[in-house]
Amino acid sequence: MIKEFKTFIAVARDGTFTGAGAQLGLTQSAVSAQIKRLEEYLGVALFDRGARAATLNAHGREMLPQAEELVAMAERMATAGAGHVSGSLRIGAIASVQQDLLVRALGEFRAGYPDVRVRIVPGVSLSLLGQVDAGEVDMALLIRPPFALPPELGWQPLLREEVVLAMPESMPLAPWRELLATQPFIRYDRASFGGRVVDLFLKKQRITVHEAVELDEIEAIANMVRHGLGVGLLPRLRGLNLDGLRLLSLGEAAFYREIGIIGRLPFDAGSVGGKMAECLGRAAAAP
């Protein structure tokens, strides 16, 4: 809870969630979320919240010097342990990156920093973005959002995956446009960032599909296609099981899904987040 105590001290000194957030590089909602977690942890409210200010109540005034002492002690311990990297790292990750990219990166990271505890938080891109913004995870590996990020957050690209048409290997070969128009369609969930990219492509190409199933798991889409339930548009994942599948390029109409890191970038090169970002970059660049 050291991060939450630091945020508490900043709010107490500034008097507003917005001002404290500006000092810490957090949004107002992220500051509010951290203070709420701290109050739930302590079992008491710490502030009298007004329309414009956050004023310490009796519990908050009693807690402030203890929080300052706790944070100072933690910083002294970190200085004493300089050169030995430990701590924890929370990584949000969509399902498809957990199968290959994250495995490769964690192999290198764990070899170099065995005393850092890593927690993987699964989710879809939109929910993971909200968790980064609220400070619930330290970074997230997800599909690039189709909108501008808050100024406090940054984007570090990792992979650019071509979206292809997947069809059963046993199905007679035909042009991709014909297959999309005539075969049952296994749709990439439109609520996901990747599914929005697919939906935009279909609208741009003016193709009406015959929807059979809609879901967000790439491996599950591939498996449904493999078993003859229809065709699908999915990213050409590294390590995707191609047994029973045929993947067709969309030629000049080809489009891509971008995968990257969202966090409060740039990460400090000496932090565990910075070290993980470096490992992820090397894993993404490897053949």
Protein backbone atom coordinates (compact mmCIF):
# COMPACT_ATOMS: atom_id res chain seq x y z
CA MET A 1 0.00 0.00 0.00
CA ILE A 2 3.02 2.33 -0.14
CA LYS A 3 1.75 3.89 -3.39
CA GLU A 4 -1.62 4.62 -1.80
CA PHE A 5 0.05 6.19 1.25
CA LYS A 6 2.13 8.41 -1.05
CA THR A 7 -1.04 9.52 -2.82
CA PHE A 8 -2.71 10.21 0.55
CA ILE A 9 0.21 12.44 1.58
CA ALA A 10 0.06 14.33 -1.73
CA VAL A 11 -3.69 14.99 -1.39
CA ALA A 12 -3.27 16.05 2.24
CA ARG A 13 -0.56 18.56 1.27
CA ASP A 14 -2.27 19.92 -1.84
CA GLY A 15 -5.84 19.89 -0.57
CA THR A 16 -7.33 18.64 -3.86
CA PHE A 17 -7.38 15.36 -5.75
CA THR A 18 -6.72 17.17 -9.03
CA GLY A 19 -3.62 18.98 -7.77
CA ALA A 20 -2.22 15.84 -6.17
CA GLY A 21 -2.81 13.95 -9.40
CA ALA A 22 -0.88 16.57 -11.37
CA GLN A 23 2.10 16.13 -9.04
CA LEU A 24 2.00 12.34 -9.25
CA GLY A 25 1.17 11.99 -12.95
CA LEU A 26 -2.25 10.50 -12.17
CA THR A 27 -5.76 11.36 -13.28
CA GLN A 28 -8.26 12.58 -10.69
CA SER A 29 -10.14 9.27 -11.01
CA ALA A 30 -6.92 7.32 -10.33
CA VAL A 31 -6.24 9.41 -7.20
CA SER A 32 -9.83 8.85 -6.03
CA ALA A 33 -9.48 5.09 -6.60
CA GLN A 34 -6.24 4.91 -4.60
CA ILE A 35 -7.66 6.92 -1.70
CA LYS A 36 -10.76 4.71 -1.69
CA ARG A 37 -8.56 1.57 -1.53
CA LEU A 38 -6.56 3.06 1.36
CA GLU A 39 -9.69 4.03 3.29
CA GLU A 40 -11.11 0.52 2.78
CA TYR A 41 -7.81 -0.95 3.95
CA LEU A 42 -7.74 1.23 7.09
CA GLY A 43 -11.48 1.00 7.72
CA VAL A 44 -11.94 4.76 8.16
CA ALA A 45 -12.55 7.84 6.00
CA LEU A 46 -9.57 10.20 5.86
CA PHE A 47 -11.04 13.33 4.24
CA ASP A 48 -14.05 15.60 4.43
CA ARG A 49 -14.71 15.98 0.72
CA GLY A 50 -16.05 19.33 -0.44
CA ALA A 51 -16.96 20.55 -3.92
CA ARG A 52 -13.47 21.94 -4.51
CA ALA A 53 -11.28 20.65 -1.68
CA ALA A 54 -10.35 17.51 0.23
CA THR A 55 -9.81 18.42 3.90
CA LEU A 56 -8.31 15.98 6.39
CA ASN A 57 -10.77 14.81 9.05
CA ALA A 58 -9.71 13.70 12.54
CA HIS A 59 -8.68 10.24 11.32
CA GLY A 60 -6.71 11.77 8.45
CA ARG A 61 -4.86 14.22 10.71
CA GLU A 62 -3.93 11.36 13.03
CA MET A 63 -2.81 9.16 10.13
CA LEU A 64 -0.73 11.75 8.20
CA PRO A 65 2.47 11.72 10.34
CA GLN A 66 2.34 7.92 10.51
CA ALA A 67 1.98 7.72 6.72
CA GLU A 68 4.92 10.10 6.24
CA GLU A 69 7.04 7.97 8.59
CA LEU A 70 6.01 4.77 6.77
CA VAL A 71 6.86 6.16 3.33
CA ALA A 72 10.19 7.54 4.55
CA MET A 73 11.06 4.14 6.04
CA ALA A 74 10.19 2.38 2.76
CA GLU A 75 12.40 4.80 0.81
CA ARG A 76 15.30 4.22 3.22
CA MET A 77 14.91 0.46 2.79
CA ALA A 78 14.89 0.84 -1.00
CA THR A 79 18.10 2.90 -0.86
CA ALA A 80 19.77 0.35 1.42
CA GLY A 81 18.89 -2.40 -1.06
CA ALA A 82 20.13 -0.55 -4.15
CA GLY A 83 21.52 -2.98 -6.68
CA HIS A 84 19.14 -5.74 -5.62
CA VAL A 85 15.90 -5.55 -7.59
CA SER A 86 12.79 -6.77 -5.78
CA GLY A 87 9.16 -5.76 -5.41
CA SER A 88 6.05 -6.56 -7.39
CA LEU A 89 4.66 -5.83 -10.84
CA ARG A 90 1.03 -6.03 -11.97
CA ILE A 91 0.58 -6.57 -15.70
CA GLY A 92 -2.80 -6.46 -17.41
CA ALA A 93 -2.87 -8.63 -20.53
CA ILE A 94 -5.36 -9.64 -23.20
CA ALA A 95 -5.62 -13.40 -23.72
CA SER A 96 -3.74 -13.62 -27.02
CA VAL A 97 -0.51 -12.05 -25.71
CA GLN A 98 -0.41 -14.43 -22.75
CA GLN A 99 0.21 -17.41 -25.04
CA ASP A 100 3.48 -16.27 -26.65
CA LEU A 101 4.70 -12.67 -26.23
CA LEU A 102 4.28 -12.54 -22.47
CA VAL A 103 5.76 -16.02 -22.00
CA ARG A 104 8.91 -15.02 -23.92
CA ALA A 105 9.28 -11.73 -22.05
CA LEU A 106 8.71 -13.30 -18.64
CA GLY A 107 11.35 -15.93 -19.34
CA GLU A 108 14.01 -13.24 -19.74
CA PHE A 109 12.60 -11.05 -16.96
CA ARG A 110 12.45 -13.84 -14.37
CA ALA A 111 15.99 -14.95 -15.22
CA GLY A 112 17.29 -11.45 -14.48
CA TYR A 113 15.00 -10.44 -11.61
CA PRO A 114 13.91 -13.60 -9.75
CA ASP A 115 12.85 -11.71 -6.61
CA VAL A 116 10.22 -9.58 -8.38
CA ARG A 117 6.72 -10.97 -7.95
CA VAL A 118 4.66 -10.70 -11.15
CA ARG A 119 0.88 -10.84 -11.20
CA ILE A 120 -0.90 -11.22 -14.55
CA VAL A 121 -4.36 -9.64 -14.64
CA PRO A 122 -6.44 -10.95 -17.56
CA GLY A 123 -9.06 -8.85 -19.33
CA VAL A 124 -10.22 -7.23 -22.54
CA SER A 125 -8.50 -4.10 -23.82
CA LEU A 126 -11.10 -1.56 -22.69
CA SER A 127 -11.30 -2.82 -19.12
CA LEU A 128 -7.50 -3.08 -18.88
CA LEU A 129 -7.15 0.52 -20.05
CA GLY A 130 -9.43 1.59 -17.19
CA GLN A 131 -7.37 -0.44 -14.71
CA VAL A 132 -4.15 1.30 -15.81
CA ASP A 133 -5.84 4.68 -15.49
CA ALA A 134 -7.08 3.81 -11.98
CA GLY A 135 -3.65 2.57 -10.90
CA GLU A 136 -4.92 -0.99 -10.38
CA VAL A 137 -2.23 -2.40 -12.71
CA ASP A 138 1.20 -0.98 -13.49
CA MET A 139 1.02 -1.57 -17.24
CA ALA A 140 -1.24 -3.33 -19.73
CA LEU A 141 -0.58 -5.26 -22.94
CA LEU A 142 -3.50 -4.65 -25.22
CA ILE A 143 -4.76 -3.64 -28.65
CA ARG A 144 -4.21 0.00 -29.54
CA PRO A 145 -7.35 1.96 -28.61
CA PRO A 146 -9.25 3.61 -31.49
CA PHE A 147 -9.26 6.93 -29.60
CA ALA A 148 -6.84 9.34 -27.96
CA LEU A 149 -5.38 8.34 -24.61
CA PRO A 150 -5.51 10.54 -21.49
CA PRO A 151 -2.42 12.78 -21.35
CA GLU A 152 -1.12 10.88 -18.31
CA LEU A 153 -0.84 7.63 -20.27
CA GLY A 154 1.49 6.66 -23.10
CA TRP A 155 1.63 3.99 -25.80
CA GLN A 156 4.67 1.84 -26.61
CA PRO A 157 4.10 -0.26 -29.77
CA LEU A 158 5.24 -3.90 -29.77
CA LEU A 159 3.60 -5.92 -32.56
CA ARG A 160 1.71 -5.28 -35.80
CA GLU A 161 -0.30 -8.37 -36.69
CA GLU A 162 -1.88 -8.85 -40.12
CA VAL A 163 -5.58 -9.76 -40.04
CA VAL A 164 -6.33 -12.69 -42.34
CA LEU A 165 -9.29 -14.80 -43.37
CA ALA A 166 -9.33 -18.17 -41.60
CA MET A 167 -11.17 -21.02 -43.32
CA PRO A 168 -11.33 -24.79 -42.73
CA GLU A 169 -8.59 -26.62 -44.59
CA SER A 170 -11.25 -28.96 -46.02
CA MET A 171 -13.32 -26.12 -47.53
CA PRO A 172 -12.91 -25.54 -51.29
CA LEU A 173 -10.65 -22.58 -51.96
CA ALA A 174 -12.36 -19.37 -53.16
CA PRO A 175 -11.64 -15.61 -53.12
CA TRP A 176 -11.77 -14.17 -49.60
CA ARG A 177 -14.56 -11.73 -50.49
CA GLU A 178 -16.75 -14.56 -51.77
CA LEU A 179 -16.11 -16.65 -48.67
CA LEU A 180 -17.06 -13.79 -46.35
CA ALA A 181 -20.27 -13.15 -48.28
CA THR A 182 -21.41 -16.79 -48.53
CA GLN A 183 -20.12 -18.72 -45.49
CA PRO A 184 -21.27 -18.49 -41.83
CA PHE A 185 -19.14 -15.86 -40.08
CA ILE A 186 -17.41 -16.32 -36.71
CA ARG A 187 -17.16 -12.70 -35.59
CA TYR A 188 -14.43 -11.13 -33.47
CA ASP A 189 -16.40 -9.44 -30.67
CA ARG A 190 -17.40 -5.92 -31.70
CA ALA A 191 -17.09 -4.73 -28.08
CA SER A 192 -13.31 -5.34 -28.24
CA PHE A 193 -10.81 -3.00 -29.87
CA GLY A 194 -9.77 -5.75 -32.31
CA GLY A 195 -13.39 -6.51 -33.15
CA ARG A 196 -14.02 -2.84 -33.91
CA VAL A 197 -11.18 -2.91 -36.44
CA VAL A 198 -12.75 -5.95 -38.13
CA ASP A 199 -16.20 -4.36 -38.12
CA LEU A 200 -14.82 -1.17 -39.69
CA PHE A 201 -13.15 -3.26 -42.42
CA LEU A 202 -16.39 -5.06 -43.29
CA LYS A 203 -18.28 -1.76 -43.50
CA LYS A 204 -15.55 -0.17 -45.62
CA GLN A 205 -15.57 -3.16 -47.98
CA ARG A 206 -19.42 -3.16 -47.98
CA ILE A 207 -19.54 -6.86 -47.17
CA THR A 208 -22.64 -8.26 -45.47
CA VAL A 209 -21.78 -11.38 -43.47
CA HIS A 210 -24.00 -14.18 -42.19
CA GLU A 211 -23.16 -14.13 -38.48
CA ALA A 212 -23.08 -17.46 -36.68
CA VAL A 213 -21.13 -16.78 -33.46
CA GLU A 214 -19.52 -13.70 -31.85
CA LEU A 215 -16.73 -13.98 -29.27
CA ASP A 216 -13.46 -12.39 -28.17
CA GLU A 217 -11.02 -15.34 -27.90
CA ILE A 218 -8.78 -15.65 -30.98
CA GLU A 219 -7.87 -19.28 -30.29
CA ALA A 220 -11.56 -20.12 -29.84
CA ILE A 221 -12.44 -18.43 -33.16
CA ALA A 222 -9.71 -20.45 -34.87
CA ASN A 223 -11.00 -23.67 -33.28
CA MET A 224 -14.56 -23.01 -34.42
CA VAL A 225 -13.33 -22.39 -37.96
CA ARG A 226 -11.20 -25.56 -37.74
CA HIS A 227 -14.34 -27.57 -36.89
CA GLY A 228 -16.28 -26.24 -39.87
CA LEU A 229 -18.58 -23.74 -38.12
CA GLY A 230 -17.69 -20.98 -40.59
CA VAL A 231 -14.96 -18.55 -41.56
CA GLY A 232 -13.45 -15.73 -39.54
CA LEU A 233 -11.20 -12.68 -39.69
CA LEU A 234 -8.47 -12.96 -37.08
CA PRO A 235 -4.92 -11.68 -36.50
CA ARG A 236 -2.08 -13.91 -37.68
CA LEU A 237 -0.79 -14.70 -34.20
CA ARG A 238 2.72 -15.95 -33.69
CA GLY A 239 2.34 -19.49 -32.42
CA LEU A 240 -1.26 -19.92 -33.62
CA ASN A 241 -2.15 -23.60 -34.11
CA LEU A 242 -2.68 -23.94 -37.87
CA ASP A 243 -3.80 -27.60 -37.86
CA GLY A 244 -6.94 -27.90 -39.99
CA LEU A 245 -6.83 -24.20 -40.99
CA ARG A 246 -6.01 -22.28 -44.13
CA LEU A 247 -5.19 -18.56 -43.76
CA LEU A 248 -5.83 -16.27 -46.72
CA SER A 249 -4.22 -12.83 -47.05
CA LEU A 250 -6.59 -9.98 -47.90
CA GLY A 251 -4.15 -8.64 -50.48
CA GLU A 252 -4.44 -4.93 -51.15
CA ALA A 253 -7.28 -4.69 -48.60
CA ALA A 254 -5.04 -6.01 -45.82
CA PHE A 255 -5.28 -4.36 -42.41
CA TYR A 256 -3.56 -4.89 -39.05
CA ARG A 257 -4.05 -5.22 -35.32
CA GLU A 258 -1.52 -3.29 -33.21
CA ILE A 259 -0.39 -4.62 -29.83
CA GLY A 260 1.52 -2.51 -27.33
CA ILE A 261 2.05 -1.35 -23.76
CA ILE A 262 -0.08 1.30 -22.11
CA GLY A 263 1.20 2.85 -18.90
CA ARG A 264 2.58 6.03 -17.43
CA LEU A 265 5.40 6.17 -19.97
CA PRO A 266 8.28 6.51 -20.26
CA PHE A 267 9.03 4.01 -17.51
CA ASP A 268 12.06 4.73 -15.35
CA ALA A 269 14.80 2.57 -16.86
CA GLY A 270 15.75 1.38 -13.37
CA SER A 271 12.21 0.42 -12.32
CA VAL A 272 10.74 -3.06 -12.61
CA GLY A 273 8.21 -1.65 -15.08
CA GLY A 274 11.01 -0.29 -17.24
CA LYS A 275 12.87 -3.59 -17.15
CA MET A 276 9.72 -5.52 -18.15
CA ALA A 277 9.06 -3.07 -20.99
CA GLU A 278 12.58 -3.75 -22.30
CA CYS A 279 12.01 -7.52 -22.12
CA LEU A 280 8.69 -7.16 -23.95
CA GLY A 281 10.34 -5.09 -26.68
CA ARG A 282 13.01 -7.73 -27.24
CA ALA A 283 10.43 -10.54 -27.20
CA ALA A 284 8.33 -8.73 -29.80
CA ALA A 285 11.36 -8.15 -32.05
CA ALA A 286 12.52 -11.79 -31.89
CA PRO A 287 11.61 -14.04 -34.86
